[in-house]
Protein backbone atom coordinates (compact mmCIF):
# COMPACT_ATOMS: atom_id res chain seq x y z
CA MET A 1 0.00 0.00 0.00
CA LEU A 2 1.32 3.44 -0.91
CA ASP A 3 2.16 5.74 1.97
CA ARG A 4 -0.12 8.79 2.09
CA ARG A 5 2.70 10.87 3.58
CA ARG A 6 4.23 11.11 0.11
CA TRP A 7 1.90 13.98 -0.84
CA THR A 8 2.75 16.00 2.28
CA ILE A 9 6.45 15.38 1.70
CA LEU A 10 6.04 16.42 -1.95
CA ALA A 11 4.24 19.62 -0.94
CA VAL A 12 6.91 20.58 1.59
CA GLY A 13 9.73 19.81 -0.85
CA THR A 14 8.01 21.89 -3.52
CA PHE A 15 7.65 24.82 -1.13
CA ALA A 16 11.33 24.56 -0.14
CA GLN A 17 12.33 24.67 -3.81
CA ALA A 18 10.00 27.61 -4.47
CA ALA A 19 11.47 29.52 -1.53
CA THR A 20 14.99 29.22 -2.94
CA CYS A 21 13.81 30.00 -6.48
CA SER A 22 12.32 33.27 -5.23
CA PHE A 23 15.86 34.63 -5.03
CA LEU A 24 17.85 32.29 -7.30
CA TYR A 25 15.71 33.27 -10.28
CA GLY A 26 13.73 36.17 -8.81
CA ILE A 27 16.50 38.77 -8.56
CA PRO A 28 15.70 40.04 -12.12
CA MET A 29 12.51 41.50 -10.62
CA LEU A 30 14.73 43.93 -8.71
CA VAL A 31 16.55 45.18 -11.83
CA PRO A 32 14.45 48.37 -12.22
CA ALA A 33 15.12 49.26 -8.56
CA LEU A 34 18.82 48.39 -8.85
CA ARG A 35 19.21 50.60 -11.92
CA HIS A 36 17.28 53.47 -10.32
CA ASP A 37 18.67 53.33 -6.76
CA ALA A 38 22.19 51.99 -7.30
CA GLY A 39 22.77 53.38 -10.80
CA LEU A 40 23.83 49.99 -12.15
CA THR A 41 23.94 49.29 -15.88
CA LEU A 42 21.98 46.39 -17.36
CA PHE A 43 25.21 44.42 -17.74
CA GLN A 44 26.17 45.05 -14.09
CA CYS A 45 22.70 43.93 -13.02
CA SER A 46 23.14 40.75 -15.06
CA LEU A 47 26.31 39.94 -13.08
CA LEU A 48 24.43 40.40 -9.81
CA ILE A 49 21.62 38.19 -11.13
CA SER A 50 24.20 35.52 -11.95
CA ALA A 51 25.85 35.50 -8.50
CA PRO A 52 23.40 33.05 -6.83
CA ILE A 53 23.60 30.72 -9.82
CA VAL A 54 27.42 30.71 -9.64
CA GLY A 55 27.21 29.52 -6.04
CA LEU A 56 24.54 27.00 -6.98
CA LEU A 57 26.47 25.31 -9.78
CA LEU A 58 29.69 25.07 -7.73
CA THR A 59 28.03 22.93 -5.05
CA LEU A 60 25.26 20.94 -6.76
CA ILE A 61 27.24 17.72 -7.27
CA ALA A 62 28.57 17.84 -3.70
CA TRP A 63 25.05 18.26 -2.29
CA GLY A 64 23.87 15.37 -4.46
CA ALA A 65 26.62 13.12 -3.09
CA LEU A 66 25.69 14.13 0.47
CA ALA A 67 22.03 13.30 -0.25
CA ASP A 68 23.03 9.88 -1.63
CA ARG A 69 24.97 9.20 1.55
CA TYR A 70 23.16 10.94 4.42
CA GLY A 71 19.58 11.37 3.21
CA GLU A 72 17.37 14.19 2.04
CA ARG A 73 15.91 15.64 5.23
CA VAL A 74 19.13 16.80 6.87
CA VAL A 75 20.61 18.03 3.57
CA ILE A 76 17.62 20.16 2.56
CA SER A 77 16.88 21.66 5.99
CA SER A 78 20.51 22.62 6.68
CA GLY A 79 21.11 24.09 3.22
CA VAL A 80 17.91 26.11 2.99
CA GLY A 81 18.34 27.33 6.58
CA ALA A 82 21.84 28.59 5.76
CA ALA A 83 20.49 30.38 2.68
CA ALA A 84 17.95 32.20 4.88
CA VAL A 85 20.71 33.49 7.16
CA LEU A 86 22.91 34.65 4.27
CA LEU A 87 20.04 36.49 2.58
CA GLY A 88 19.21 38.17 5.88
CA VAL A 89 22.77 39.45 6.15
CA ALA A 90 22.76 40.59 2.50
CA ALA A 91 19.73 42.76 3.21
CA TRP A 92 21.74 44.92 5.64
CA VAL A 93 25.13 45.36 3.95
CA HIS A 94 25.87 48.24 1.60
CA PRO A 95 28.75 47.51 -0.82
CA ILE A 96 27.12 45.96 -3.87
CA ALA A 97 30.12 43.65 -4.30
CA LEU A 98 29.52 42.21 -0.83
CA VAL A 99 25.84 41.74 -1.66
CA ALA A 100 26.91 39.75 -4.73
CA VAL A 101 29.22 37.55 -2.61
CA LEU A 102 26.48 36.85 -0.09
CA LEU A 103 24.02 36.05 -2.87
CA GLY A 104 26.58 33.62 -4.29
CA LEU A 105 26.97 31.91 -0.90
CA ALA A 106 23.19 31.77 -0.49
CA GLY A 107 22.95 30.13 -3.90
CA ALA A 108 25.58 27.58 -2.85
CA ALA A 109 23.53 26.71 0.23
CA ALA A 110 20.24 26.61 -1.70
CA ALA A 111 21.69 24.02 -4.09
CA SER A 112 20.93 21.42 -1.41
CA VAL A 113 17.26 21.33 -2.31
CA ASN A 114 17.80 20.84 -6.05
CA ALA A 115 19.32 17.36 -5.94
CA ALA A 116 17.85 16.12 -2.67
CA SER A 117 14.19 16.95 -3.31
CA GLY A 118 14.34 15.05 -6.59
CA ARG A 119 15.51 11.98 -4.69
CA VAL A 120 12.48 12.31 -2.41
CA VAL A 121 10.14 12.08 -5.40
CA MET A 122 11.98 9.05 -6.78
CA GLY A 123 11.87 7.33 -3.41
CA TRP A 124 8.27 7.97 -2.40
CA PHE A 125 6.40 7.70 -5.72
CA PRO A 126 5.93 4.67 -8.01
CA VAL A 127 6.85 4.89 -11.70
CA SER A 128 3.22 5.40 -12.74
CA GLU A 129 2.96 8.59 -10.60
CA ARG A 130 6.42 10.06 -11.08
CA GLY A 131 5.57 12.25 -14.04
CA LEU A 132 2.75 13.85 -12.06
CA ALA A 133 4.82 14.07 -8.87
CA MET A 134 7.86 15.54 -10.60
CA GLY A 135 5.59 17.91 -12.50
CA VAL A 136 4.21 19.16 -9.19
CA ARG A 137 7.71 19.50 -7.76
CA GLN A 138 8.83 21.40 -10.86
CA THR A 139 6.10 23.98 -10.29
CA ALA A 140 8.45 25.27 -7.60
CA GLN A 141 10.54 27.37 -9.97
CA PRO A 142 7.72 29.26 -11.73
CA LEU A 143 5.86 29.63 -8.42
CA GLY A 144 8.99 30.98 -6.77
CA VAL A 145 9.52 33.41 -9.65
CA ALA A 146 5.82 34.30 -9.52
CA LEU A 147 6.11 35.19 -5.83
CA ALA A 148 9.18 37.26 -6.61
CA ALA A 149 7.39 39.01 -9.48
CA ALA A 150 4.41 39.86 -7.28
CA VAL A 151 6.39 41.11 -4.28
CA LEU A 152 9.97 42.13 -5.13
CA PRO A 153 9.25 45.01 -7.58
CA VAL A 154 6.97 46.62 -4.99
CA LEU A 155 9.42 46.07 -2.12
CA GLY A 156 12.29 47.25 -4.30
CA ALA A 157 10.50 50.53 -4.96
CA ASP A 158 9.29 51.00 -1.37
CA VAL A 159 12.21 49.87 0.82
CA GLY A 160 15.03 49.44 -1.68
CA PRO A 161 16.47 46.40 -3.47
CA ARG A 162 18.61 45.27 -0.52
CA LYS A 163 15.85 45.21 2.10
CA ALA A 164 13.62 43.43 -0.39
CA LEU A 165 15.89 40.38 0.12
CA LEU A 166 14.27 39.88 3.53
CA PHE A 167 11.26 38.42 1.72
CA PRO A 168 13.05 35.38 0.23
CA ALA A 169 15.03 35.09 3.48
CA GLY A 170 11.78 34.64 5.41
CA LEU A 171 10.49 32.09 2.90
CA CYS A 172 13.69 30.04 3.18
CA ALA A 173 13.61 30.11 6.98
CA LEU A 174 10.03 28.81 7.01
CA ALA A 175 10.89 26.14 4.43
CA ALA A 176 13.84 24.87 6.49
CA LEU A 177 11.60 24.44 9.55
CA LEU A 178 8.89 22.62 7.57
CA VAL A 179 11.38 20.23 5.97
CA PHE A 180 12.95 19.37 9.32
CA ALA A 181 9.54 18.76 10.89
CA LEU A 182 7.64 16.99 8.12
CA VAL A 183 9.98 15.38 5.56
CA ALA A 184 11.03 11.74 6.01
CA ASP A 185 13.73 10.03 3.95
CA PRO A 186 12.39 7.25 1.71
CA ALA A 187 13.45 3.66 2.34
CA ARG A 188 16.63 2.65 0.57
CA ALA A 189 17.43 -0.65 -1.10
CA VAL A 190 19.86 -2.79 0.91
CA ALA A 191 22.55 -4.56 -1.09
CA ALA A 192 22.85 -8.31 -0.66
CA PRO A 193 26.01 -9.63 1.05
CA GLY A 194 28.86 -9.63 -1.44
CA GLU A 195 26.90 -7.68 -4.05
CA ALA A 196 29.00 -5.15 -5.91
CA ALA A 197 28.05 -1.49 -5.68
CA PRO A 198 26.21 -0.12 -8.75
CA THR A 199 28.63 1.27 -11.31
CA SER A 200 28.42 4.74 -12.77
CA PRO A 201 25.65 5.02 -15.38
CA TYR A 202 27.92 7.37 -17.34
CA ARG A 203 30.37 4.57 -18.19
CA SER A 204 28.07 2.38 -20.24
CA SER A 205 26.09 4.93 -22.26
CA SER A 206 26.01 8.51 -23.50
CA THR A 207 22.28 8.77 -22.79
CA LEU A 208 22.58 10.78 -19.59
CA ALA A 209 25.10 13.15 -21.17
CA ARG A 210 22.73 13.78 -24.08
CA VAL A 211 19.81 14.49 -21.74
CA HIS A 212 22.01 16.91 -19.77
CA LEU A 213 23.06 18.73 -22.95
CA ALA A 214 19.59 18.90 -24.50
CA SER A 215 18.04 20.17 -21.29
CA SER A 216 20.79 22.77 -20.85
CA LEU A 217 20.11 24.10 -24.34
CA LEU A 218 16.40 24.35 -23.48
CA VAL A 219 17.26 26.35 -20.36
CA VAL A 220 18.56 29.24 -22.49
CA PRO A 221 15.13 30.36 -23.82
CA GLN A 222 13.66 29.78 -20.37
CA PHE A 223 16.11 32.19 -18.76
CA ALA A 224 16.01 34.63 -21.63
CA VAL A 225 12.27 35.03 -21.05
CA ALA A 226 12.53 35.01 -17.25
CA THR A 227 15.37 37.54 -17.14
CA PHE A 228 14.40 40.06 -19.81
CA THR A 229 10.60 40.17 -19.82
CA ILE A 230 10.33 42.76 -17.06
CA THR A 231 13.25 44.77 -18.45
CA TYR A 232 11.72 44.83 -21.93
CA LEU A 233 8.26 45.78 -20.69
CA VAL A 234 9.62 48.60 -18.51
CA ALA A 235 12.40 49.96 -20.74
CA VAL A 236 10.86 49.47 -24.21
CA ARG A 237 7.10 49.30 -23.65
CA HIS A 238 7.26 51.84 -20.75
CA TRP A 239 5.22 49.74 -18.32
CA ASP A 240 5.15 50.45 -14.61
CA PRO A 241 7.39 47.86 -12.83
CA ALA A 242 4.61 46.82 -10.44
CA VAL A 243 2.18 46.25 -13.32
CA ALA A 244 4.80 44.28 -15.24
CA GLY A 245 5.45 42.22 -12.12
CA ARG A 246 1.77 41.31 -11.82
CA TRP A 247 1.66 40.19 -15.45
CA ILE A 248 4.76 38.06 -14.97
CA PHE A 249 3.18 36.59 -11.85
CA GLY A 250 0.27 35.41 -14.00
CA PHE A 251 2.62 34.03 -16.66
CA GLN A 252 4.55 32.06 -14.05
CA VAL A 253 1.44 30.58 -12.43
CA VAL A 254 0.29 29.26 -15.81
CA GLY A 255 3.84 28.00 -16.39
CA ALA A 256 3.62 26.05 -13.13
CA LEU A 257 0.42 24.38 -14.34
CA ALA A 258 2.16 23.57 -17.63
CA ARG A 259 4.83 21.63 -15.74
CA VAL A 260 2.18 19.50 -14.06
CA ALA A 261 0.43 18.95 -17.38
CA SER A 262 3.66 17.87 -19.09
CA GLY A 263 4.34 15.42 -16.26
CA VAL A 264 0.89 13.86 -16.62
CA TRP A 265 1.43 13.81 -20.39
CA SER A 266 4.64 11.83 -19.92
CA ASP A 267 2.89 9.32 -17.62
CA ARG A 268 0.15 8.81 -20.20
CA VAL A 269 2.43 8.28 -23.21
CA GLY A 270 5.03 6.29 -21.27
CA SER A 271 7.88 8.60 -22.28
CA ARG A 272 9.70 11.56 -20.77
CA LEU A 273 11.79 12.45 -23.80
CA ARG A 274 9.26 12.45 -26.65
CA PRO A 275 7.21 15.26 -25.02
CA MET A 276 10.45 17.06 -24.21
CA ARG A 277 11.50 17.06 -27.88
CA GLN A 278 8.08 18.27 -29.02
CA LEU A 279 8.24 21.15 -26.53
CA ALA A 280 11.67 22.06 -27.92
CA VAL A 281 10.11 22.54 -31.37
CA ILE A 282 7.47 24.89 -29.96
CA SER A 283 10.05 26.78 -27.89
CA ALA A 284 12.16 27.47 -30.98
CA GLY A 285 9.14 28.89 -32.78
CA LEU A 286 8.19 31.15 -29.89
CA MET A 287 11.69 32.58 -29.58
CA GLY A 288 11.61 33.32 -33.30
CA LEU A 289 8.35 35.20 -32.79
CA LEU A 290 9.89 37.16 -29.89
CA ALA A 291 12.73 38.21 -32.17
CA LEU A 292 10.26 39.32 -34.84
CA GLY A 293 8.11 41.18 -32.31
CA ALA A 294 11.12 42.98 -30.88
CA VAL A 295 12.41 44.04 -34.31
CA THR A 296 9.00 45.31 -35.42
CA ASP A 297 8.13 46.79 -32.00
CA SER A 298 4.77 45.00 -32.10
CA SER A 299 2.36 45.09 -29.16
CA TRP A 300 1.56 41.39 -29.57
CA ILE A 301 4.99 40.57 -28.21
CA VAL A 302 3.45 40.66 -24.74
CA VAL A 303 1.35 37.62 -25.65
CA VAL A 304 4.43 35.80 -26.94
CA PHE A 305 6.29 36.59 -23.71
CA GLY A 306 3.40 34.96 -21.85
CA LEU A 307 3.41 31.88 -24.07
CA GLY A 308 7.20 31.69 -23.77
CA ALA A 309 7.00 31.81 -19.98
CA VAL A 310 4.67 28.79 -20.12
CA ILE A 311 6.27 26.61 -22.83
CA THR A 312 9.94 27.14 -22.00
CA VAL A 313 9.50 25.82 -18.44
CA ALA A 314 7.29 22.83 -19.30
CA ASP A 315 10.13 20.51 -20.33
CA ASN A 316 12.29 20.92 -17.24
CA GLY A 317 10.62 18.28 -15.09
CA LEU A 318 10.63 15.76 -17.95
CA ALA A 319 14.41 15.91 -18.25
CA TYR A 320 14.79 15.81 -14.49
CA ILE A 321 12.84 12.59 -14.03
CA ALA A 322 14.45 11.03 -17.12
CA VAL A 323 17.87 11.60 -15.54
CA ALA A 324 16.78 10.09 -12.22
CA GLU A 325 15.24 7.05 -13.91
CA PHE A 326 18.22 6.39 -16.17
CA ALA A 327 20.68 6.85 -13.28
CA GLY A 328 18.91 4.51 -10.83
CA SER A 329 18.33 5.08 -7.13
CA SER A 330 21.99 4.63 -6.11
CA TRP A 331 23.23 7.37 -8.45
CA SER A 332 20.25 9.69 -8.75
CA GLY A 333 21.56 12.31 -6.32
CA ARG A 334 24.87 12.68 -8.13
CA ALA A 335 23.29 12.46 -11.58
CA LEU A 336 20.76 15.15 -10.68
CA GLY A 337 23.62 17.24 -9.31
CA VAL A 338 25.43 16.94 -12.65
CA HIS A 339 22.18 17.73 -14.47
CA ASN A 340 21.51 20.84 -12.43
CA THR A 341 25.11 21.94 -12.80
CA SER A 342 24.94 21.76 -16.60
CA GLN A 343 21.61 23.58 -16.61
CA ASN A 344 22.88 26.35 -14.37
CA ILE A 345 26.05 26.82 -16.39
CA ALA A 346 23.73 27.54 -19.31
CA SER A 347 21.54 29.85 -17.25
CA LEU A 348 24.61 31.59 -15.81
CA ALA A 349 25.90 32.39 -19.28
CA THR A 350 22.51 33.44 -20.64
CA ALA A 351 22.00 36.70 -18.74
CA PRO A 352 25.38 38.44 -19.37
CA ILE A 353 25.72 37.23 -22.98
CA LEU A 354 22.24 38.38 -23.96
CA ALA A 355 22.63 41.62 -21.97
CA ALA A 356 25.82 42.38 -23.90
CA ILE A 357 24.04 41.70 -27.21
CA ILE A 358 20.99 43.75 -26.23
CA GLY A 359 23.06 46.77 -25.16
CA GLY A 360 20.60 49.63 -25.47
CA SER A 361 17.77 48.03 -27.43
CA HIS A 362 18.89 45.12 -29.64
CA TYR A 363 16.42 42.63 -28.19
CA GLY A 364 15.60 41.13 -31.57
CA TRP A 365 19.15 39.88 -32.17
CA ALA A 366 19.31 38.40 -28.67
CA PHE A 367 16.04 36.48 -29.04
CA ALA A 368 17.03 35.27 -32.53
CA LEU A 369 20.25 33.81 -31.11
CA THR A 370 18.26 32.21 -28.30
CA ALA A 371 15.99 30.44 -30.82
CA LEU A 372 18.98 28.44 -32.09
CA CYS A 373 19.38 26.61 -28.77
CA PRO A 374 16.10 24.62 -28.81
CA LEU A 375 16.68 23.90 -32.51
CA VAL A 376 19.97 22.21 -31.63
CA ALA A 377 18.33 20.39 -28.70
CA ILE A 378 15.80 18.63 -30.95
CA PRO A 379 18.17 16.06 -32.52
CA ILE A 380 20.26 15.70 -29.33
CA THR A 381 17.32 14.51 -27.19
CA PRO A 382 17.86 10.69 -27.05
CA VAL A 383 14.28 9.55 -27.60
CA ARG A 384 15.31 6.18 -29.07
CA ARG A 385 17.31 5.33 -25.93
CA GLU A 386 14.10 5.37 -23.89
CA SER A 387 13.15 1.80 -24.88
CA VAL A 388 14.36 0.29 -21.57
CA PRO A 389 11.42 -0.09 -19.13
CA ALA A 390 11.39 2.63 -16.49
CA VAL A 391 11.16 0.12 -13.64
CA LEU A 392 14.42 -1.53 -14.68
CA ARG A 393 16.12 1.86 -15.10
CA ASP A 394 15.06 2.85 -11.59
CA GLU A 395 16.53 -0.32 -10.15
CA GLY A 396 19.81 0.53 -11.80
CA ARG A 397 19.95 -2.73 -13.84
């Protein structure tokens, strides 16, 4: 009989991920305030935006190894709790360079939830429910960005961009307490006497590497939309930052629902990678439309931004669960750490490269370049390698 606690554990893990995403990927919502109050250029803001992701990618594999060895509960609660403290300190310091360092350290601590919460889903949910469960868990990022979009622009204008960091700090503190109180580590398979430890899944096949690469390419349009929507609407379309934030909040909520829908879709069709490849095709088309809308200064670009916010996030959970299933339970923490590292290298590069291309107003060129990434991801996605039954993949056979 399935344990009913799995849904509570999933909800708490999702909230913990959303709390960290509110600053990992929500700092772009403070760009108007940073440019107005601190006089930073768009390129300088992009470096500040990248600081938490730098910390994240440097520690993801280590957190995954700790989760494989010591369990999810202690790893998530300690990491997210440390992030809360670091964000609280960042809210009170003044040199912008020190703020960037603290954001980087907070990102390093927040990396704990990325690998470990995925292991929780794999451990508590059967194969037939994993697409749904991972889809729910993957709502954390758009929900975290949605919370940031709804709150941070207002706080940034009212109390300043630094003090606005107290909001994600409070979310992370609450998440750490909930994880410690309510999350239980799933049961682990015990090796038979004399049985050799499972070997690395990277030695026998290039499948995991291809999933990592394809998913990383699909992260580029996701972060292009997430990072530059509010900047475009405020700087080019002359929207009020608070109004733009409310629109982005709506986009992100719908994007969260799209992640659940894609997870259910993958359960129904018995594949994680076929839906992922189809979403890559749509993502490439939408980024092409964004480029056209930016070049022609068309008002319908707002609609395309909304569609982009939904479609470009829908594939993330599919790749995540594919990695965990191909890696098997003994290697899922490390494999998910590698996966998140590759994704965040892509996201880290996206903001400064596109900001340098955009300069004053060259958004069309930036979005056109972004459209190439999902096009390349289409043939790389290893759909034909998905013939091995998911149950056997999960057992690491």
